[in-house]
Amino acid sequence: MTNDELPKVLVDFLNYNATLNKSKNSIHEYRYDLIRFLKYMKVLKSGNHKITIDDIDTIQDIDAEFLNRVDLNDLYAYMTFLKDDCHNTATSRARKSASIKGFFKYLYLKAKVIDQDPSKELENPKIGKRLPKYLSIEESKELLNVAKNGDKYKKTNGDISNKKKVLATRDYAMTTLFLNCGMRLSELVSIDINHIKFDEALLTVIGKGNKERTIYLNKACINAIKEYLAVRPTVPSGIDKNALFLSERNKRISNRMVQTIIKDYLKECGLSNYSTHKLRHTAATLMYQNGVDVRALQEILGHESIGTTEIYTHVDNSQIRKAIEDNPLADYNGEK
């Protein structure tokens, strides 16, 4: 649906969030979540149990009068629908709950088009904390080697063209930044050459919430970037002129393309269940296991809350086993 096909109240809400410098991804998620929510509300309020949200062609007619009839029970009916019919995870339902809460809060406090906020008492699904999946140091080194060799570009005879060598150099630099800096996918894609300060070994990127943040670079990162810049194609003009990482068409590389490239290399290493975000987990976990303070790690990862970072303070089973075996009483059998 285009904005012209959406209710005015929803368009106004999306525009409001844009003025708050919310990221494009966040606004896209609000848009998707609320379109489906409003379709469900039309089904629910119709009283016709034979139709589904897929049968709803338009939500443009939804207005303040309709939204004033939505109550807390309707919201819980939708959350149940997401769980039982759509099989959404608790994490996914929590995100959609946040979208709904933000929407109704705006309608009540900012736009003042509804008499009360039905989402105020809506409870979020409980999300169990899961330990992050990450690569071991050996797996990380193997991934770097596979990327550096450009294995995915090699022909059956093992040769690789000069053009593909450039791509392999690019891929190695991207993988190095992921594993050493723990940066987000969107941050890596947004890197501009003129935002890299080689003399200070740092770069600035656009982080979560469109906030600019500084990322420090170690020798591996500096060397990998310089190697790529030595062969990177020149873009004479246009919006992608300063983009560090380019596609084969000499455009700023996209999020999806980076994901595909990294997945291909991971697959070659026998790590099909991993992704670019797991490389961020890997960098964070390896740094913590190597003695980096959790507060420093928070700054490195760009987390607003220390609670988000504390997930990396876990220890794996081998460490737990070693701690038990290293107990000074481990070999004591008692005196007879």
C-alpha atoms as a PDB file:
ATOM      1  CA  MET A   1       0.000   0.000   0.000  1.00  0.00           C
ATOM      2  CA  THR A   2       1.200   3.522  -0.817  1.00  0.00           C
ATOM      3  CA  ASN A   3       0.767   6.363   1.679  1.00  0.00           C
ATOM      4  CA  ASP A   4      -2.173   7.591  -0.401  1.00  0.00           C
ATOM      5  CA  GLU A   5      -3.944   4.329   0.433  1.00  0.00           C
ATOM      6  CA  LEU A   6      -3.374   4.605   4.181  1.00  0.00           C
ATOM      7  CA  PRO A   7      -5.546   6.291   6.819  1.00  0.00           C
ATOM      8  CA  LYS A   8      -4.531   9.883   7.497  1.00  0.00           C
ATOM      9  CA  VAL A   9      -3.928   9.099  11.183  1.00  0.00           C
ATOM     10  CA  LEU A  10      -1.371   6.434  10.248  1.00  0.00           C
ATOM     11  CA  VAL A  11       0.424   8.669   7.746  1.00  0.00           C
ATOM     12  CA  ASP A  12       0.563  11.417  10.375  1.00  0.00           C
ATOM     13  CA  PHE A  13       2.038   8.955  12.889  1.00  0.00           C
ATOM     14  CA  LEU A  14       4.748   7.854  10.425  1.00  0.00           C
ATOM     15  CA  ASN A  15       5.592  11.468   9.598  1.00  0.00           C
ATOM     16  CA  TYR A  16       5.785  12.266  13.303  1.00  0.00           C
ATOM     17  CA  ASN A  17       8.352   9.500  13.812  1.00  0.00           C
ATOM     18  CA  ALA A  18      10.364  10.732  10.848  1.00  0.00           C
ATOM     19  CA  THR A  19      10.707  14.128  12.578  1.00  0.00           C
ATOM     20  CA  LEU A  20      12.114  12.311  15.634  1.00  0.00           C
ATOM     21  CA  ASN A  21      14.983  11.039  13.450  1.00  0.00           C
ATOM     22  CA  LYS A  22      13.831   7.432  13.745  1.00  0.00           C
ATOM     23  CA  SER A  23      15.657   5.238  11.243  1.00  0.00           C
ATOM     24  CA  LYS A  24      14.062   4.260   7.934  1.00  0.00           C
ATOM     25  CA  ASN A  25      14.044   0.649   9.102  1.00  0.00           C
ATOM     26  CA  SER A  26      12.086   1.562  12.253  1.00  0.00           C
ATOM     27  CA  ILE A  27       9.511   3.551  10.291  1.00  0.00           C
ATOM     28  CA  HIS A  28       9.189   0.711   7.778  1.00  0.00           C
ATOM     29  CA  GLU A  29       8.520  -1.713  10.664  1.00  0.00           C
ATOM     30  CA  TYR A  30       5.894   0.603  12.195  1.00  0.00           C
ATOM     31  CA  ARG A  31       4.215   0.870   8.815  1.00  0.00           C
ATOM     32  CA  TYR A  32       4.129  -2.891   8.212  1.00  0.00           C
ATOM     33  CA  ASP A  33       3.040  -3.738  11.768  1.00  0.00           C
ATOM     34  CA  LEU A  34       0.233  -1.167  11.885  1.00  0.00           C
ATOM     35  CA  ILE A  35      -1.179  -1.962   8.450  1.00  0.00           C
ATOM     36  CA  ARG A  36      -1.665  -5.590   9.520  1.00  0.00           C
ATOM     37  CA  PHE A  37      -3.015  -4.513  12.899  1.00  0.00           C
ATOM     38  CA  LEU A  38      -5.603  -2.175  11.356  1.00  0.00           C
ATOM     39  CA  LYS A  39      -6.651  -4.857   8.865  1.00  0.00           C
ATOM     40  CA  TYR A  40      -7.240  -7.234  11.780  1.00  0.00           C
ATOM     41  CA  MET A  41      -9.256  -4.572  13.601  1.00  0.00           C
ATOM     42  CA  LYS A  42     -11.513  -4.197  10.538  1.00  0.00           C
ATOM     43  CA  VAL A  43     -12.069  -7.964  10.507  1.00  0.00           C
ATOM     44  CA  LEU A  44     -12.728  -8.042  14.260  1.00  0.00           C
ATOM     45  CA  LYS A  45     -15.122  -5.102  14.241  1.00  0.00           C
ATOM     46  CA  SER A  46     -17.005  -6.433  11.200  1.00  0.00           C
ATOM     47  CA  GLY A  47     -18.216  -9.430  13.186  1.00  0.00           C
ATOM     48  CA  ASN A  48     -17.851 -11.547  10.044  1.00  0.00           C
ATOM     49  CA  HIS A  49     -15.887 -14.677  11.032  1.00  0.00           C
ATOM     50  CA  LYS A  50     -15.652 -15.885   7.430  1.00  0.00           C
ATOM     51  CA  ILE A  51     -13.197 -13.191   6.305  1.00  0.00           C
ATOM     52  CA  THR A  52      -9.485 -12.808   7.114  1.00  0.00           C
ATOM     53  CA  ILE A  53      -7.066  -9.899   7.000  1.00  0.00           C
ATOM     54  CA  ASP A  54      -6.075 -11.041   3.491  1.00  0.00           C
ATOM     55  CA  ASP A  55      -9.616 -10.207   2.378  1.00  0.00           C
ATOM     56  CA  ILE A  56      -9.273  -6.581   3.496  1.00  0.00           C
ATOM     57  CA  ASP A  57      -8.513  -4.448   0.436  1.00  0.00           C
ATOM     58  CA  THR A  58      -8.412  -1.036   2.090  1.00  0.00           C
ATOM     59  CA  ILE A  59      -7.927   0.550   5.503  1.00  0.00           C
ATOM     60  CA  GLN A  60      -8.118   4.112   4.200  1.00  0.00           C
ATOM     61  CA  ASP A  61     -11.556   4.549   5.775  1.00  0.00           C
ATOM     62  CA  ILE A  62     -10.253   3.983   9.315  1.00  0.00           C
ATOM     63  CA  ASP A  63     -10.602   7.220  11.276  1.00  0.00           C
ATOM     64  CA  ALA A  64     -10.650   8.553  14.842  1.00  0.00           C
ATOM     65  CA  GLU A  65     -14.230   7.376  15.352  1.00  0.00           C
ATOM     66  CA  PHE A  66     -13.232   3.788  14.457  1.00  0.00           C
ATOM     67  CA  LEU A  67     -10.105   3.888  16.651  1.00  0.00           C
ATOM     68  CA  ASN A  68     -12.127   5.169  19.598  1.00  0.00           C
ATOM     69  CA  ARG A  69     -14.009   1.857  19.500  1.00  0.00           C
ATOM     70  CA  VAL A  70     -10.828  -0.211  19.906  1.00  0.00           C
ATOM     71  CA  ASP A  71     -10.388  -1.431  23.480  1.00  0.00           C
ATOM     72  CA  LEU A  72      -7.840  -3.463  25.461  1.00  0.00           C
ATOM     73  CA  ASN A  73      -9.652  -6.746  24.773  1.00  0.00           C
ATOM     74  CA  ASP A  74      -9.325  -6.104  21.031  1.00  0.00           C
ATOM     75  CA  LEU A  75      -5.577  -5.647  21.453  1.00  0.00           C
ATOM     76  CA  TYR A  76      -5.237  -8.921  23.344  1.00  0.00           C
ATOM     77  CA  ALA A  77      -7.314 -10.640  20.647  1.00  0.00           C
ATOM     78  CA  TYR A  78      -4.777  -9.416  18.087  1.00  0.00           C
ATOM     79  CA  MET A  79      -1.800 -10.595  20.176  1.00  0.00           C
ATOM     80  CA  THR A  80      -3.462 -14.023  20.462  1.00  0.00           C
ATOM     81  CA  PHE A  81      -3.987 -14.048  16.685  1.00  0.00           C
ATOM     82  CA  LEU A  82      -0.269 -13.336  16.183  1.00  0.00           C
ATOM     83  CA  LYS A  83       0.673 -16.187  18.504  1.00  0.00           C
ATOM     84  CA  ASP A  84      -1.816 -18.877  17.487  1.00  0.00           C
ATOM     85  CA  ASP A  85      -2.547 -18.152  13.827  1.00  0.00           C
ATOM     86  CA  CYS A  86       0.643 -16.421  12.650  1.00  0.00           C
ATOM     87  CA  HIS A  87       2.970 -18.389  14.955  1.00  0.00           C
ATOM     88  CA  ASN A  88       4.972 -15.244  15.747  1.00  0.00           C
ATOM     89  CA  THR A  89       7.731 -15.606  18.312  1.00  0.00           C
ATOM     90  CA  ALA A  90       7.609 -13.707  21.595  1.00  0.00           C
ATOM     91  CA  THR A  91      10.265 -11.334  20.231  1.00  0.00           C
ATOM     92  CA  SER A  92       8.223 -10.602  17.116  1.00  0.00           C
ATOM     93  CA  ARG A  93       5.036 -10.084  19.154  1.00  0.00           C
ATOM     94  CA  ALA A  94       6.868  -7.748  21.526  1.00  0.00           C
ATOM     95  CA  ARG A  95       7.993  -5.604  18.602  1.00  0.00           C
ATOM     96  CA  LYS A  96       4.454  -5.410  17.210  1.00  0.00           C
ATOM     97  CA  SER A  97       3.113  -4.616  20.663  1.00  0.00           C
ATOM     98  CA  ALA A  98       5.588  -1.710  20.848  1.00  0.00           C
ATOM     99  CA  SER A  99       4.379  -0.432  17.451  1.00  0.00           C
ATOM    100  CA  ILE A 100       0.751  -0.524  18.622  1.00  0.00           C
ATOM    101  CA  LYS A 101       1.585   1.198  21.911  1.00  0.00           C
ATOM    102  CA  GLY A 102       3.518   3.931  20.146  1.00  0.00           C
ATOM    103  CA  PHE A 103       0.631   4.478  17.713  1.00  0.00           C
ATOM    104  CA  PHE A 104      -2.076   4.807  20.368  1.00  0.00           C
ATOM    105  CA  LYS A 105       0.122   6.935  22.620  1.00  0.00           C
ATOM    106  CA  TYR A 106       0.593   9.329  19.696  1.00  0.00           C
ATOM    107  CA  LEU A 107      -3.138   9.378  18.924  1.00  0.00           C
ATOM    108  CA  TYR A 108      -3.999  10.113  22.560  1.00  0.00           C
ATOM    109  CA  LEU A 109      -1.235  12.476  23.728  1.00  0.00           C
ATOM    110  CA  LYS A 110      -0.013  14.164  20.546  1.00  0.00           C
ATOM    111  CA  ALA A 111      -2.757  14.098  17.910  1.00  0.00           C
ATOM    112  CA  LYS A 112      -5.476  14.077  20.594  1.00  0.00           C
ATOM    113  CA  VAL A 113      -7.933  12.270  18.315  1.00  0.00           C
ATOM    114  CA  ILE A 114      -8.944   9.484  20.723  1.00  0.00           C
ATOM    115  CA  ASP A 115     -10.515   9.797  24.179  1.00  0.00           C
ATOM    116  CA  GLN A 116      -8.308   7.215  25.904  1.00  0.00           C
ATOM    117  CA  ASP A 117      -5.293   5.024  25.209  1.00  0.00           C
ATOM    118  CA  PRO A 118      -6.416   1.347  25.138  1.00  0.00           C
ATOM    119  CA  SER A 119      -2.811   0.142  24.875  1.00  0.00           C
ATOM    120  CA  LYS A 120      -1.721   1.675  28.179  1.00  0.00           C
ATOM    121  CA  GLU A 121      -2.381  -1.561  30.083  1.00  0.00           C
ATOM    122  CA  LEU A 122      -1.251  -3.902  27.296  1.00  0.00           C
ATOM    123  CA  GLU A 123       1.407  -6.255  28.682  1.00  0.00           C
ATOM    124  CA  ASN A 124       4.327  -7.277  26.520  1.00  0.00           C
ATOM    125  CA  PRO A 125       5.042 -10.974  25.877  1.00  0.00           C
ATOM    126  CA  LYS A 126       7.774 -12.321  28.121  1.00  0.00           C
ATOM    127  CA  ILE A 127      10.977 -12.882  26.203  1.00  0.00           C
ATOM    128  CA  GLY A 128      13.394 -15.428  27.558  1.00  0.00           C
ATOM    129  CA  LYS A 129      17.029 -14.379  27.378  1.00  0.00           C
ATOM    130  CA  ARG A 130      18.943 -16.486  24.884  1.00  0.00           C
ATOM    131  CA  LEU A 131      22.680 -16.770  24.797  1.00  0.00           C
ATOM    132  CA  PRO A 132      24.083 -15.299  21.582  1.00  0.00           C
ATOM    133  CA  LYS A 133      25.484 -17.692  18.995  1.00  0.00           C
ATOM    134  CA  TYR A 134      29.023 -16.897  17.989  1.00  0.00           C
ATOM    135  CA  LEU A 135      32.005 -18.286  16.117  1.00  0.00           C
ATOM    136  CA  SER A 136      35.018 -19.657  17.932  1.00  0.00           C
ATOM    137  CA  ILE A 137      38.402 -18.043  17.330  1.00  0.00           C
ATOM    138  CA  GLU A 138      39.321 -20.937  15.008  1.00  0.00           C
ATOM    139  CA  GLU A 139      36.079 -20.578  13.017  1.00  0.00           C
ATOM    140  CA  SER A 140      36.607 -16.815  12.811  1.00  0.00           C
ATOM    141  CA  LYS A 141      40.097 -17.282  11.386  1.00  0.00           C
ATOM    142  CA  GLU A 142      38.800 -19.827   8.867  1.00  0.00           C
ATOM    143  CA  LEU A 143      36.095 -17.388   7.733  1.00  0.00           C
ATOM    144  CA  LEU A 144      38.686 -14.631   7.276  1.00  0.00           C
ATOM    145  CA  ASN A 145      40.922 -16.958   5.269  1.00  0.00           C
ATOM    146  CA  VAL A 146      38.074 -18.074   3.014  1.00  0.00           C
ATOM    147  CA  ALA A 147      37.102 -14.451   2.364  1.00  0.00           C
ATOM    148  CA  LYS A 148      40.691 -13.356   1.732  1.00  0.00           C
ATOM    149  CA  ASN A 149      41.223 -16.161  -0.782  1.00  0.00           C
ATOM    150  CA  GLY A 150      37.990 -15.250  -2.590  1.00  0.00           C
ATOM    151  CA  ASP A 151      36.965 -18.902  -2.729  1.00  0.00           C
ATOM    152  CA  LYS A 152      33.402 -18.042  -3.798  1.00  0.00           C
ATOM    153  CA  TYR A 153      34.733 -16.356  -6.943  1.00  0.00           C
ATOM    154  CA  LYS A 154      37.155 -19.078  -8.015  1.00  0.00           C
ATOM    155  CA  LYS A 155      36.462 -21.063 -11.151  1.00  0.00           C
ATOM    156  CA  THR A 156      36.549 -24.841 -11.290  1.00  0.00           C
ATOM    157  CA  ASN A 157      40.258 -24.716 -12.156  1.00  0.00           C
ATOM    158  CA  GLY A 158      40.985 -22.580  -9.099  1.00  0.00           C
ATOM    159  CA  ASP A 159      41.708 -19.377 -11.031  1.00  0.00           C
ATOM    160  CA  ILE A 160      40.246 -15.990 -10.116  1.00  0.00           C
ATOM    161  CA  SER A 161      39.992 -12.966 -12.439  1.00  0.00           C
ATOM    162  CA  ASN A 162      41.371  -9.551 -11.528  1.00  0.00           C
ATOM    163  CA  LYS A 163      37.844  -8.159 -11.237  1.00  0.00           C
ATOM    164  CA  LYS A 164      36.905 -10.903  -8.803  1.00  0.00           C
ATOM    165  CA  LYS A 165      40.117 -10.294  -6.844  1.00  0.00           C
ATOM    166  CA  VAL A 166      38.845  -6.774  -6.164  1.00  0.00           C
ATOM    167  CA  LEU A 167      35.594  -8.228  -4.822  1.00  0.00           C
ATOM    168  CA  ALA A 168      37.502 -10.692  -2.654  1.00  0.00           C
ATOM    169  CA  THR A 169      39.596  -7.835  -1.215  1.00  0.00           C
ATOM    170  CA  ARG A 170      36.377  -5.968  -0.461  1.00  0.00           C
ATOM    171  CA  ASP A 171      34.787  -9.023   1.157  1.00  0.00           C
ATOM    172  CA  TYR A 172      37.830  -9.606   3.336  1.00  0.00           C
ATOM    173  CA  ALA A 173      37.748  -5.986   4.533  1.00  0.00           C
ATOM    174  CA  MET A 174      34.040  -6.237   5.375  1.00  0.00           C
ATOM    175  CA  THR A 175      34.527  -9.518   7.254  1.00  0.00           C
ATOM    176  CA  THR A 176      37.495  -8.065   9.137  1.00  0.00           C
ATOM    177  CA  LEU A 177      35.460  -5.059  10.281  1.00  0.00           C
ATOM    178  CA  PHE A 178      32.568  -7.258  11.405  1.00  0.00           C
ATOM    179  CA  LEU A 179      34.775  -9.588  13.439  1.00  0.00           C
ATOM    180  CA  ASN A 180      37.065  -6.941  14.920  1.00  0.00           C
ATOM    181  CA  CYS A 181      34.726  -4.018  15.594  1.00  0.00           C
ATOM    182  CA  GLY A 182      31.377  -5.699  16.195  1.00  0.00           C
ATOM    183  CA  MET A 183      29.626  -3.144  14.033  1.00  0.00           C
ATOM    184  CA  ARG A 184      26.058  -3.479  12.822  1.00  0.00           C
ATOM    185  CA  LEU A 185      25.264  -4.322   9.203  1.00  0.00           C
ATOM    186  CA  SER A 186      23.708  -0.892   8.591  1.00  0.00           C
ATOM    187  CA  GLU A 187      26.785   0.797  10.061  1.00  0.00           C
ATOM    188  CA  LEU A 188      29.163  -1.072   7.764  1.00  0.00           C
ATOM    189  CA  VAL A 189      27.117  -0.253   4.671  1.00  0.00           C
ATOM    190  CA  SER A 190      26.970   3.441   5.632  1.00  0.00           C
ATOM    191  CA  ILE A 191      30.768   3.919   5.888  1.00  0.00           C
ATOM    192  CA  ASP A 192      32.099   6.803   3.785  1.00  0.00           C
ATOM    193  CA  ILE A 193      35.780   7.081   2.868  1.00  0.00           C
ATOM    194  CA  ASN A 194      35.969  10.681   4.070  1.00  0.00           C
ATOM    195  CA  HIS A 195      34.792   9.564   7.516  1.00  0.00           C
ATOM    196  CA  ILE A 196      37.872   7.364   8.029  1.00  0.00           C
ATOM    197  CA  LYS A 197      40.781   8.965   9.899  1.00  0.00           C
ATOM    198  CA  PHE A 198      43.789   6.737   9.319  1.00  0.00           C
ATOM    199  CA  ASP A 199      46.118   8.899  11.444  1.00  0.00           C
ATOM    200  CA  GLU A 200      43.796   8.448  14.441  1.00  0.00           C
ATOM    201  CA  ALA A 201      42.742   4.884  13.501  1.00  0.00           C
ATOM    202  CA  LEU A 202      39.013   5.576  13.726  1.00  0.00           C
ATOM    203  CA  LEU A 203      35.920   6.109  11.643  1.00  0.00           C
ATOM    204  CA  THR A 204      32.461   7.558  12.231  1.00  0.00           C
ATOM    205  CA  VAL A 205      29.297   5.761  11.204  1.00  0.00           C
ATOM    206  CA  ILE A 206      25.560   6.308  11.457  1.00  0.00           C
ATOM    207  CA  GLY A 207      24.408   3.982  14.228  1.00  0.00           C
ATOM    208  CA  LYS A 208      21.034   2.932  15.575  1.00  0.00           C
ATOM    209  CA  GLY A 209      18.493   5.757  15.775  1.00  0.00           C
ATOM    210  CA  ASN A 210      20.476   7.765  13.188  1.00  0.00           C
ATOM    211  CA  LYS A 211      23.061   8.585  15.853  1.00  0.00           C
ATOM    212  CA  GLU A 212      26.622   9.197  14.772  1.00  0.00           C
ATOM    213  CA  ARG A 213      29.133   7.066  16.629  1.00  0.00           C
ATOM    214  CA  THR A 214      32.889   6.550  16.595  1.00  0.00           C
ATOM    215  CA  ILE A 215      34.459   3.167  15.878  1.00  0.00           C
ATOM    216  CA  TYR A 216      38.123   2.587  16.640  1.00  0.00           C
ATOM    217  CA  LEU A 217      40.194   0.516  14.246  1.00  0.00           C
ATOM    218  CA  ASN A 218      42.984  -1.940  15.018  1.00  0.00           C
ATOM    219  CA  LYS A 219      45.857  -2.871  12.684  1.00  0.00           C
ATOM    220  CA  ALA A 220      43.919  -5.669  10.988  1.00  0.00           C
ATOM    221  CA  CYS A 221      41.104  -3.255  10.092  1.00  0.00           C
ATOM    222  CA  ILE A 222      43.444  -0.484   8.904  1.00  0.00           C
ATOM    223  CA  ASN A 223      45.412  -2.894   6.715  1.00  0.00           C
ATOM    224  CA  ALA A 224      42.277  -4.514   5.244  1.00  0.00           C
ATOM    225  CA  ILE A 225      40.711  -1.126   4.400  1.00  0.00           C
ATOM    226  CA  LYS A 226      43.948   0.153   2.818  1.00  0.00           C
ATOM    227  CA  GLU A 227      44.296  -3.010   0.726  1.00  0.00           C
ATOM    228  CA  TYR A 228      40.758  -2.556  -0.567  1.00  0.00           C
ATOM    229  CA  LEU A 229      41.172   1.175  -1.238  1.00  0.00           C
ATOM    230  CA  ALA A 230      44.237   0.352  -3.351  1.00  0.00           C
ATOM    231  CA  VAL A 231      42.031  -1.598  -5.792  1.00  0.00           C
ATOM    232  CA  ARG A 232      38.596  -0.025  -5.190  1.00  0.00           C
ATOM    233  CA  PRO A 233      37.044   1.321  -8.411  1.00  0.00           C
ATOM    234  CA  THR A 234      36.845   5.118  -8.697  1.00  0.00           C
ATOM    235  CA  VAL A 235      33.372   6.625  -8.693  1.00  0.00           C
ATOM    236  CA  PRO A 236      33.746  10.077 -10.315  1.00  0.00           C
ATOM    237  CA  SER A 237      30.424  11.542  -9.157  1.00  0.00           C
ATOM    238  CA  GLY A 238      27.010  10.792  -7.676  1.00  0.00           C
ATOM    239  CA  ILE A 239      25.673   9.946  -4.226  1.00  0.00           C
ATOM    240  CA  ASP A 240      27.884   6.844  -3.929  1.00  0.00           C
ATOM    241  CA  LYS A 241      31.138   8.653  -4.708  1.00  0.00           C
ATOM    242  CA  ASN A 242      32.392   8.422  -1.127  1.00  0.00           C
ATOM    243  CA  ALA A 243      30.893   5.025  -0.239  1.00  0.00           C
ATOM    244  CA  LEU A 244      33.656   2.738   1.028  1.00  0.00           C
ATOM    245  CA  PHE A 245      32.160  -0.579  -0.032  1.00  0.00           C
ATOM    246  CA  LEU A 246      30.858  -0.803  -3.595  1.00  0.00           C
ATOM    247  CA  SER A 247      28.842  -3.379  -5.511  1.00  0.00           C
ATOM    248  CA  GLU A 248      29.941  -4.726  -8.891  1.00  0.00           C
ATOM    249  CA  ARG A 249      27.954  -1.855 -10.435  1.00  0.00           C
ATOM    250  CA  ASN A 250      30.013   0.652  -8.461  1.00  0.00           C
ATOM    251  CA  LYS A 251      27.060   1.614  -6.259  1.00  0.00           C
ATOM    252  CA  ARG A 252      27.051   1.622  -2.442  1.00  0.00           C
ATOM    253  CA  ILE A 253      26.700  -2.011  -1.462  1.00  0.00           C
ATOM    254  CA  SER A 254      23.281  -2.928  -0.043  1.00  0.00           C
ATOM    255  CA  ASN A 255      22.439  -4.622   3.243  1.00  0.00           C
ATOM    256  CA  ARG A 256      21.030  -7.615   1.404  1.00  0.00           C
ATOM    257  CA  MET A 257      24.108  -8.045  -0.764  1.00  0.00           C
ATOM    258  CA  VAL A 258      26.413  -8.008   2.259  1.00  0.00           C
ATOM    259  CA  GLN A 259      24.196 -10.593   3.969  1.00  0.00           C
ATOM    260  CA  THR A 260      24.337 -12.833   0.887  1.00  0.00           C
ATOM    261  CA  ILE A 261      28.120 -12.513   0.580  1.00  0.00           C
ATOM    262  CA  ILE A 262      28.762 -13.323   4.230  1.00  0.00           C
ATOM    263  CA  LYS A 263      26.283 -16.224   4.173  1.00  0.00           C
ATOM    264  CA  ASP A 264      28.101 -17.698   1.161  1.00  0.00           C
ATOM    265  CA  TYR A 265      31.434 -17.598   2.989  1.00  0.00           C
ATOM    266  CA  LEU A 266      29.905 -18.995   6.163  1.00  0.00           C
ATOM    267  CA  LYS A 267      28.389 -21.831   4.153  1.00  0.00           C
ATOM    268  CA  GLU A 268      31.832 -22.672   2.763  1.00  0.00           C
ATOM    269  CA  CYS A 269      33.041 -22.955   6.340  1.00  0.00           C
ATOM    270  CA  GLY A 270      30.157 -25.286   7.213  1.00  0.00           C
ATOM    271  CA  LEU A 271      28.437 -22.588   9.286  1.00  0.00           C
ATOM    272  CA  SER A 272      25.098 -22.298   7.473  1.00  0.00           C
ATOM    273  CA  ASN A 273      23.126 -21.291  10.583  1.00  0.00           C
ATOM    274  CA  TYR A 274      25.076 -18.061  11.101  1.00  0.00           C
ATOM    275  CA  SER A 275      24.566 -14.539   9.741  1.00  0.00           C
ATOM    276  CA  THR A 276      26.174 -11.082   9.673  1.00  0.00           C
ATOM    277  CA  HIS A 277      24.619 -10.309  13.054  1.00  0.00           C
ATOM    278  CA  LYS A 278      26.267 -13.411  14.494  1.00  0.00           C
ATOM    279  CA  LEU A 279      29.607 -11.871  13.503  1.00  0.00           C
ATOM    280  CA  ARG A 280      28.737  -8.907  15.736  1.00  0.00           C
ATOM    281  CA  HIS A 281      27.995 -11.398  18.538  1.00  0.00           C
ATOM    282  CA  THR A 282      31.306 -13.098  17.795  1.00  0.00           C
ATOM    283  CA  ALA A 283      33.327  -9.888  18.061  1.00  0.00           C
ATOM    284  CA  ALA A 284      31.615  -8.957  21.325  1.00  0.00           C
ATOM    285  CA  THR A 285      32.000 -12.404  22.885  1.00  0.00           C
ATOM    286  CA  LEU A 286      35.660 -12.804  21.911  1.00  0.00           C
ATOM    287  CA  MET A 287      36.493  -9.350  23.282  1.00  0.00           C
ATOM    288  CA  TYR A 288      34.720 -10.075  26.562  1.00  0.00           C
ATOM    289  CA  GLN A 289      36.404 -13.470  26.903  1.00  0.00           C
ATOM    290  CA  ASN A 290      39.730 -11.721  26.311  1.00  0.00           C
ATOM    291  CA  GLY A 291      39.190  -9.431  29.293  1.00  0.00           C
ATOM    292  CA  VAL A 292      37.388  -6.382  27.871  1.00  0.00           C
ATOM    293  CA  ASP A 293      35.298  -4.682  30.574  1.00  0.00           C
ATOM    294  CA  VAL A 294      31.536  -4.822  30.022  1.00  0.00           C
ATOM    295  CA  ARG A 295      31.303  -1.004  30.204  1.00  0.00           C
ATOM    296  CA  ALA A 296      33.948  -0.659  27.493  1.00  0.00           C
ATOM    297  CA  LEU A 297      32.113  -3.297  25.473  1.00  0.00           C
ATOM    298  CA  GLN A 298      28.918  -1.255  25.789  1.00  0.00           C
ATOM    299  CA  GLU A 299      30.683   1.722  24.185  1.00  0.00           C
ATOM    300  CA  ILE A 300      32.228  -0.431  21.459  1.00  0.00           C
ATOM    301  CA  LEU A 301      28.862  -1.913  20.472  1.00  0.00           C
ATOM    302  CA  GLY A 302      26.935   1.340  20.787  1.00  0.00           C
ATOM    303  CA  HIS A 303      24.403  -0.023  23.272  1.00  0.00           C
ATOM    304  CA  GLU A 304      22.285   2.540  25.109  1.00  0.00           C
ATOM    305  CA  SER A 305      21.640   0.169  28.009  1.00  0.00           C
ATOM    306  CA  ILE A 306      24.244  -1.850  29.876  1.00  0.00           C
ATOM    307  CA  GLY A 307      21.556  -4.533  30.221  1.00  0.00           C
ATOM    308  CA  THR A 308      21.784  -5.218  26.481  1.00  0.00           C
ATOM    309  CA  THR A 309      25.546  -5.711  26.738  1.00  0.00           C
ATOM    310  CA  GLU A 310      25.383  -8.010  29.748  1.00  0.00           C
ATOM    311  CA  ILE A 311      24.232 -10.885  27.568  1.00  0.00           C
ATOM    312  CA  TYR A 312      27.901 -11.258  26.590  1.00  0.00           C
ATOM    313  CA  THR A 313      28.969 -11.851  30.181  1.00  0.00           C
ATOM    314  CA  HIS A 314      27.937 -15.475  29.851  1.00  0.00           C
ATOM    315  CA  VAL A 315      30.534 -18.231  29.983  1.00  0.00           C
ATOM    316  CA  ASP A 316      30.385 -21.361  27.906  1.00  0.00           C
ATOM    317  CA  ASN A 317      30.158 -24.908  29.236  1.00  0.00           C
ATOM    318  CA  SER A 318      33.872 -25.610  28.744  1.00  0.00           C
ATOM    319  CA  GLN A 319      34.727 -22.700  31.042  1.00  0.00           C
ATOM    320  CA  ILE A 320      32.259 -23.953  33.657  1.00  0.00           C
ATOM    321  CA  ARG A 321      33.738 -27.459  33.467  1.00  0.00           C
ATOM    322  CA  LYS A 322      37.289 -26.087  33.761  1.00  0.00           C
ATOM    323  CA  ALA A 323      36.293 -23.978  36.788  1.00  0.00           C
ATOM    324  CA  ILE A 324      34.967 -27.103  38.541  1.00  0.00           C
ATOM    325  CA  GLU A 325      38.063 -29.137  37.627  1.00  0.00           C
ATOM    326  CA  ASP A 326      40.367 -26.355  38.872  1.00  0.00           C
ATOM    327  CA  ASN A 327      38.757 -26.336  42.313  1.00  0.00           C
ATOM    328  CA  PRO A 328      41.603 -27.142  44.802  1.00  0.00           C
ATOM    329  CA  LEU A 329      39.371 -29.807  46.339  1.00  0.00           C
ATOM    330  CA  ALA A 330      38.857 -31.572  42.995  1.00  0.00           C
ATOM    331  CA  ASP A 331      41.326 -34.390  43.831  1.00  0.00           C
ATOM    332  CA  TYR A 332      40.553 -34.635  47.530  1.00  0.00           C
ATOM    333  CA  ASN A 333      38.951 -37.963  48.431  1.00  0.00           C
ATOM    334  CA  GLY A 334      38.746 -37.442  52.164  1.00  0.00           C
ATOM    335  CA  GLU A 335      40.783 -38.976  54.915  1.00  0.00           C
ATOM    336  CA  LYS A 336      40.162 -42.551  55.988  1.00  0.00           C
END
